[in-house]
């Protein structure tokens, strides 16, 4: 082979390698943009679902405490096991929604394991002993509530949702 043929072959190889590198850079940028977009969408969903979860859990805690305060042994219209079952089933219902699973369990980026852990502890505990045995978990949800109440953009939404949920839970209790 003469030198011109070797030069042409080398030129084609170098051009091919450069094209491959440029193509790889473009593909990587697209992947990063797509990943960032997915992360941003998931973060927005997580904030929305977190507000809903905290409102539900705090409503359940408050209604449960209301039921325990109004509980009359042997004479009352409901039994202690009914109050305990009600709290447990409503907390399980919170963790079984598709949005909760997508935002907190199946999240490939960041998982809020503390939230899941605290809900699971409350589910596993008898609700008539929450105020004594699970004060850390209840305090955790009260702190999250304070965070939502301090932000102007989430305060009204949170209070409205919590009030609605408490009303629903109290109505469904009877």
C-alpha atoms as a PDB file:
ATOM      1  CA  UNK A   1       0.000   0.000   0.000  1.00  0.00           C
ATOM      2  CA  UNK A   2       1.213   3.411  -0.730  1.00  0.00           C
ATOM      3  CA  UNK A   3       1.270   6.290   1.756  1.00  0.00           C
ATOM      4  CA  UNK A   4      -1.879   7.976   0.406  1.00  0.00           C
ATOM      5  CA  UNK A   5      -4.011   4.916   1.066  1.00  0.00           C
ATOM      6  CA  UNK A   6      -2.591   4.578   4.566  1.00  0.00           C
ATOM      7  CA  UNK A   7      -3.255   8.308   5.156  1.00  0.00           C
ATOM      8  CA  UNK A   8      -6.858   7.984   3.977  1.00  0.00           C
ATOM      9  CA  UNK A   9      -7.462   4.920   6.168  1.00  0.00           C
ATOM     10  CA  UNK A  10      -5.902   6.680   9.172  1.00  0.00           C
ATOM     11  CA  UNK A  11      -7.991   9.802   8.485  1.00  0.00           C
ATOM     12  CA  UNK A  12     -11.196   7.756   8.333  1.00  0.00           C
ATOM     13  CA  UNK A  13     -10.300   5.951  11.581  1.00  0.00           C
ATOM     14  CA  UNK A  14      -9.530   9.214  13.383  1.00  0.00           C
ATOM     15  CA  UNK A  15     -12.711  10.834  12.050  1.00  0.00           C
ATOM     16  CA  UNK A  16     -14.696   7.771  13.197  1.00  0.00           C
ATOM     17  CA  UNK A  17     -13.190   7.922  16.680  1.00  0.00           C
ATOM     18  CA  UNK A  18     -13.904  11.660  16.951  1.00  0.00           C
ATOM     19  CA  UNK A  19     -17.492  11.122  15.750  1.00  0.00           C
ATOM     20  CA  UNK A  20     -17.948   8.353  18.324  1.00  0.00           C
ATOM     21  CA  UNK A  21     -16.649  10.589  21.133  1.00  0.00           C
ATOM     22  CA  UNK A  22     -18.896  13.497  20.092  1.00  0.00           C
ATOM     23  CA  UNK A  23     -21.879  11.149  19.863  1.00  0.00           C
ATOM     24  CA  UNK A  24     -21.142   9.757  23.354  1.00  0.00           C
ATOM     25  CA  UNK A  25     -20.894  13.276  24.828  1.00  0.00           C
ATOM     26  CA  UNK A  26     -24.252  14.255  23.305  1.00  0.00           C
ATOM     27  CA  UNK A  27     -25.932  11.077  24.594  1.00  0.00           C
ATOM     28  CA  UNK A  28     -24.499  11.635  28.096  1.00  0.00           C
ATOM     29  CA  UNK A  29     -25.814  15.216  28.181  1.00  0.00           C
ATOM     30  CA  UNK A  30     -29.273  14.040  27.174  1.00  0.00           C
ATOM     31  CA  UNK A  31     -29.224  11.374  29.893  1.00  0.00           C
ATOM     32  CA  UNK A  32     -28.160  13.928  32.511  1.00  0.00           C
ATOM     33  CA  UNK A  33     -30.945  16.330  31.486  1.00  0.00           C
ATOM     34  CA  UNK A  34     -33.505  13.531  31.566  1.00  0.00           C
ATOM     35  CA  UNK A  35     -32.250  12.368  34.979  1.00  0.00           C
ATOM     36  CA  UNK A  36     -32.363  15.916  36.360  1.00  0.00           C
ATOM     37  CA  UNK A  37     -35.911  16.357  35.038  1.00  0.00           C
ATOM     38  CA  UNK A  38     -36.994  13.066  36.644  1.00  0.00           C
ATOM     39  CA  UNK A  39     -35.348  14.060  39.943  1.00  0.00           C
ATOM     40  CA  UNK A  40     -37.091  17.449  39.911  1.00  0.00           C
ATOM     41  CA  UNK A  41     -40.474  15.858  39.165  1.00  0.00           C
ATOM     42  CA  UNK A  42     -39.968  13.301  41.923  1.00  0.00           C
ATOM     43  CA  UNK A  43     -38.947  16.028  44.379  1.00  0.00           C
ATOM     44  CA  UNK A  44     -42.136  17.967  43.606  1.00  0.00           C
ATOM     45  CA  UNK A  45     -44.205  14.815  44.020  1.00  0.00           C
ATOM     46  CA  UNK A  46     -42.409  14.016  47.272  1.00  0.00           C
ATOM     47  CA  UNK A  47     -43.225  17.452  48.707  1.00  0.00           C
ATOM     48  CA  UNK A  48     -46.872  17.145  47.686  1.00  0.00           C
ATOM     49  CA  UNK A  49     -47.183  13.624  49.094  1.00  0.00           C
ATOM     50  CA  UNK A  50     -45.264  14.555  52.253  1.00  0.00           C
ATOM     51  CA  UNK A  51     -47.787  17.308  52.975  1.00  0.00           C
ATOM     52  CA  UNK A  52     -50.639  14.847  52.493  1.00  0.00           C
ATOM     53  CA  UNK A  53     -48.990  12.117  54.592  1.00  0.00           C
ATOM     54  CA  UNK A  54     -48.149  14.464  57.464  1.00  0.00           C
ATOM     55  CA  UNK A  55     -51.691  15.882  57.431  1.00  0.00           C
ATOM     56  CA  UNK A  56     -53.171  12.371  57.468  1.00  0.00           C
ATOM     57  CA  UNK A  57     -50.886  11.019  60.184  1.00  0.00           C
ATOM     58  CA  UNK A  58     -51.363  14.037  62.435  1.00  0.00           C
ATOM     59  CA  UNK A  59     -55.133  13.858  61.898  1.00  0.00           C
ATOM     60  CA  UNK A  60     -55.112  10.164  62.778  1.00  0.00           C
ATOM     61  CA  UNK A  61     -53.062  10.869  65.910  1.00  0.00           C
ATOM     62  CA  UNK A  62     -55.394  13.666  67.014  1.00  0.00           C
ATOM     63  CA  UNK A  63     -58.609  11.749  66.298  1.00  0.00           C
ATOM     64  CA  UNK A  64     -57.171   8.705  68.038  1.00  0.00           C
ATOM     65  CA  UNK A  65     -56.362  10.822  71.099  1.00  0.00           C
ATOM     66  CA  UNK A  66     -59.872  12.306  70.982  1.00  0.00           C
ATOM     67  CA  UNK A  67     -61.339   8.799  70.899  1.00  0.00           C
ATOM     68  CA  UNK A  68     -59.158   7.671  73.784  1.00  0.00           C
ATOM     69  CA  UNK A  69     -60.092  10.737  75.846  1.00  0.00           C
ATOM     70  CA  UNK A  70     -63.798  10.019  75.279  1.00  0.00           C
ATOM     71  CA  UNK A  71     -63.487   6.276  75.808  1.00  0.00           C
ATOM     72  CA  UNK A  72     -65.674   4.854  78.556  1.00  0.00           C
ATOM     73  CA  UNK A  73     -64.830   1.349  79.757  1.00  0.00           C
ATOM     74  CA  UNK A  74     -67.661  -1.177  79.420  1.00  0.00           C
ATOM     75  CA  UNK A  75     -70.349   1.476  78.905  1.00  0.00           C
ATOM     76  CA  UNK A  76     -69.097   3.266  75.796  1.00  0.00           C
ATOM     77  CA  UNK A  77     -70.371   2.644  72.313  1.00  0.00           C
ATOM     78  CA  UNK A  78     -66.996   1.504  71.026  1.00  0.00           C
ATOM     79  CA  UNK A  79     -64.435  -0.925  72.283  1.00  0.00           C
ATOM     80  CA  UNK A  80     -60.733  -0.286  72.761  1.00  0.00           C
ATOM     81  CA  UNK A  81     -59.875  -2.841  70.083  1.00  0.00           C
ATOM     82  CA  UNK A  82     -62.002  -0.843  67.611  1.00  0.00           C
ATOM     83  CA  UNK A  83     -60.066   2.354  68.343  1.00  0.00           C
ATOM     84  CA  UNK A  84     -56.741   0.546  67.991  1.00  0.00           C
ATOM     85  CA  UNK A  85     -57.825  -1.180  64.770  1.00  0.00           C
ATOM     86  CA  UNK A  86     -59.104   2.112  63.323  1.00  0.00           C
ATOM     87  CA  UNK A  87     -55.758   3.872  63.876  1.00  0.00           C
ATOM     88  CA  UNK A  88     -53.711   0.966  62.552  1.00  0.00           C
ATOM     89  CA  UNK A  89     -55.821   0.466  59.419  1.00  0.00           C
ATOM     90  CA  UNK A  90     -55.826   4.175  58.567  1.00  0.00           C
ATOM     91  CA  UNK A  91     -52.041   4.396  58.944  1.00  0.00           C
ATOM     92  CA  UNK A  92     -51.628   1.321  56.727  1.00  0.00           C
ATOM     93  CA  UNK A  93     -53.914   2.948  54.193  1.00  0.00           C
ATOM     94  CA  UNK A  94     -51.579   5.976  54.097  1.00  0.00           C
ATOM     95  CA  UNK A  95     -48.570   3.795  53.253  1.00  0.00           C
ATOM     96  CA  UNK A  96     -50.379   1.747  50.630  1.00  0.00           C
ATOM     97  CA  UNK A  97     -51.248   4.580  48.243  1.00  0.00           C
ATOM     98  CA  UNK A  98     -49.520   4.607  44.859  1.00  0.00           C
ATOM     99  CA  UNK A  99     -48.220   8.142  45.356  1.00  0.00           C
ATOM    100  CA  UNK A 100     -46.645   7.250  48.711  1.00  0.00           C
ATOM    101  CA  UNK A 101     -44.932   4.225  47.200  1.00  0.00           C
ATOM    102  CA  UNK A 102     -43.685   6.203  44.204  1.00  0.00           C
ATOM    103  CA  UNK A 103     -42.381   9.120  46.293  1.00  0.00           C
ATOM    104  CA  UNK A 104     -40.902   7.302  49.277  1.00  0.00           C
ATOM    105  CA  UNK A 105     -40.434   3.593  48.604  1.00  0.00           C
ATOM    106  CA  UNK A 106     -39.628   3.283  44.889  1.00  0.00           C
ATOM    107  CA  UNK A 107     -37.702   6.554  44.738  1.00  0.00           C
ATOM    108  CA  UNK A 108     -34.355   5.817  43.037  1.00  0.00           C
ATOM    109  CA  UNK A 109     -32.780   9.107  44.156  1.00  0.00           C
ATOM    110  CA  UNK A 110     -33.402   9.869  47.810  1.00  0.00           C
ATOM    111  CA  UNK A 111     -35.490   7.898  50.248  1.00  0.00           C
ATOM    112  CA  UNK A 112     -37.023   9.482  53.305  1.00  0.00           C
ATOM    113  CA  UNK A 113     -36.461   6.436  55.467  1.00  0.00           C
ATOM    114  CA  UNK A 114     -37.110   8.308  58.705  1.00  0.00           C
ATOM    115  CA  UNK A 115     -40.693   9.003  57.624  1.00  0.00           C
ATOM    116  CA  UNK A 116     -41.266   5.368  56.695  1.00  0.00           C
ATOM    117  CA  UNK A 117     -39.658   4.158  59.899  1.00  0.00           C
ATOM    118  CA  UNK A 118     -41.804   6.397  62.113  1.00  0.00           C
ATOM    119  CA  UNK A 119     -45.020   5.378  60.377  1.00  0.00           C
ATOM    120  CA  UNK A 120     -44.083   1.701  60.630  1.00  0.00           C
ATOM    121  CA  UNK A 121     -43.378   2.077  64.359  1.00  0.00           C
ATOM    122  CA  UNK A 122     -46.795   3.685  64.891  1.00  0.00           C
ATOM    123  CA  UNK A 123     -48.477   0.924  62.873  1.00  0.00           C
ATOM    124  CA  UNK A 124     -46.728  -1.749  64.931  1.00  0.00           C
ATOM    125  CA  UNK A 125     -47.664  -0.092  68.240  1.00  0.00           C
ATOM    126  CA  UNK A 126     -51.025  -0.123  69.940  1.00  0.00           C
ATOM    127  CA  UNK A 127     -52.543   3.320  69.480  1.00  0.00           C
ATOM    128  CA  UNK A 128     -53.748   3.524  73.074  1.00  0.00           C
ATOM    129  CA  UNK A 129     -50.101   3.737  74.161  1.00  0.00           C
ATOM    130  CA  UNK A 130     -48.785   6.206  71.586  1.00  0.00           C
ATOM    131  CA  UNK A 131     -48.674   9.173  73.960  1.00  0.00           C
ATOM    132  CA  UNK A 132     -46.513   7.205  76.415  1.00  0.00           C
ATOM    133  CA  UNK A 133     -44.452   4.808  74.321  1.00  0.00           C
ATOM    134  CA  UNK A 134     -44.223   6.573  70.961  1.00  0.00           C
ATOM    135  CA  UNK A 135     -43.657  10.186  71.900  1.00  0.00           C
ATOM    136  CA  UNK A 136     -40.605  10.403  69.593  1.00  0.00           C
ATOM    137  CA  UNK A 137     -42.640   9.377  66.573  1.00  0.00           C
ATOM    138  CA  UNK A 138     -45.506  11.714  67.420  1.00  0.00           C
ATOM    139  CA  UNK A 139     -43.016  14.532  67.989  1.00  0.00           C
ATOM    140  CA  UNK A 140     -41.458  13.813  64.590  1.00  0.00           C
ATOM    141  CA  UNK A 141     -44.792  14.338  62.833  1.00  0.00           C
ATOM    142  CA  UNK A 142     -45.529  17.444  64.909  1.00  0.00           C
ATOM    143  CA  UNK A 143     -42.160  18.888  63.834  1.00  0.00           C
ATOM    144  CA  UNK A 144     -42.994  18.204  60.187  1.00  0.00           C
ATOM    145  CA  UNK A 145     -46.318  19.929  60.756  1.00  0.00           C
ATOM    146  CA  UNK A 146     -44.502  22.984  62.132  1.00  0.00           C
ATOM    147  CA  UNK A 147     -42.356  23.075  58.991  1.00  0.00           C
ATOM    148  CA  UNK A 148     -45.463  23.220  56.795  1.00  0.00           C
ATOM    149  CA  UNK A 149     -47.085  25.828  59.029  1.00  0.00           C
ATOM    150  CA  UNK A 150     -43.999  28.072  58.885  1.00  0.00           C
ATOM    151  CA  UNK A 151     -43.999  28.200  55.078  1.00  0.00           C
ATOM    152  CA  UNK A 152     -46.550  30.625  53.674  1.00  0.00           C
ATOM    153  CA  UNK A 153     -47.022  28.665  50.445  1.00  0.00           C
ATOM    154  CA  UNK A 154     -47.923  25.414  52.235  1.00  0.00           C
ATOM    155  CA  UNK A 155     -49.630  26.702  55.388  1.00  0.00           C
ATOM    156  CA  UNK A 156     -53.127  27.197  53.969  1.00  0.00           C
ATOM    157  CA  UNK A 157     -53.059  23.980  51.961  1.00  0.00           C
ATOM    158  CA  UNK A 158     -51.863  21.997  54.961  1.00  0.00           C
ATOM    159  CA  UNK A 159     -54.437  23.445  57.377  1.00  0.00           C
ATOM    160  CA  UNK A 160     -57.260  22.981  54.892  1.00  0.00           C
ATOM    161  CA  UNK A 161     -56.282  19.368  54.203  1.00  0.00           C
ATOM    162  CA  UNK A 162     -55.822  18.526  57.877  1.00  0.00           C
ATOM    163  CA  UNK A 163     -59.180  20.034  58.826  1.00  0.00           C
ATOM    164  CA  UNK A 164     -60.910  18.096  56.047  1.00  0.00           C
ATOM    165  CA  UNK A 165     -59.230  14.845  57.055  1.00  0.00           C
ATOM    166  CA  UNK A 166     -60.053  15.257  60.743  1.00  0.00           C
ATOM    167  CA  UNK A 167     -63.685  15.872  59.829  1.00  0.00           C
ATOM    168  CA  UNK A 168     -63.748  12.793  57.604  1.00  0.00           C
ATOM    169  CA  UNK A 169     -62.088  10.627  60.234  1.00  0.00           C
ATOM    170  CA  UNK A 170     -64.457  11.805  62.955  1.00  0.00           C
ATOM    171  CA  UNK A 171     -67.484  11.196  60.734  1.00  0.00           C
ATOM    172  CA  UNK A 172     -66.264   7.748  59.698  1.00  0.00           C
ATOM    173  CA  UNK A 173     -65.718   6.843  63.323  1.00  0.00           C
ATOM    174  CA  UNK A 174     -69.400   7.016  64.158  1.00  0.00           C
END
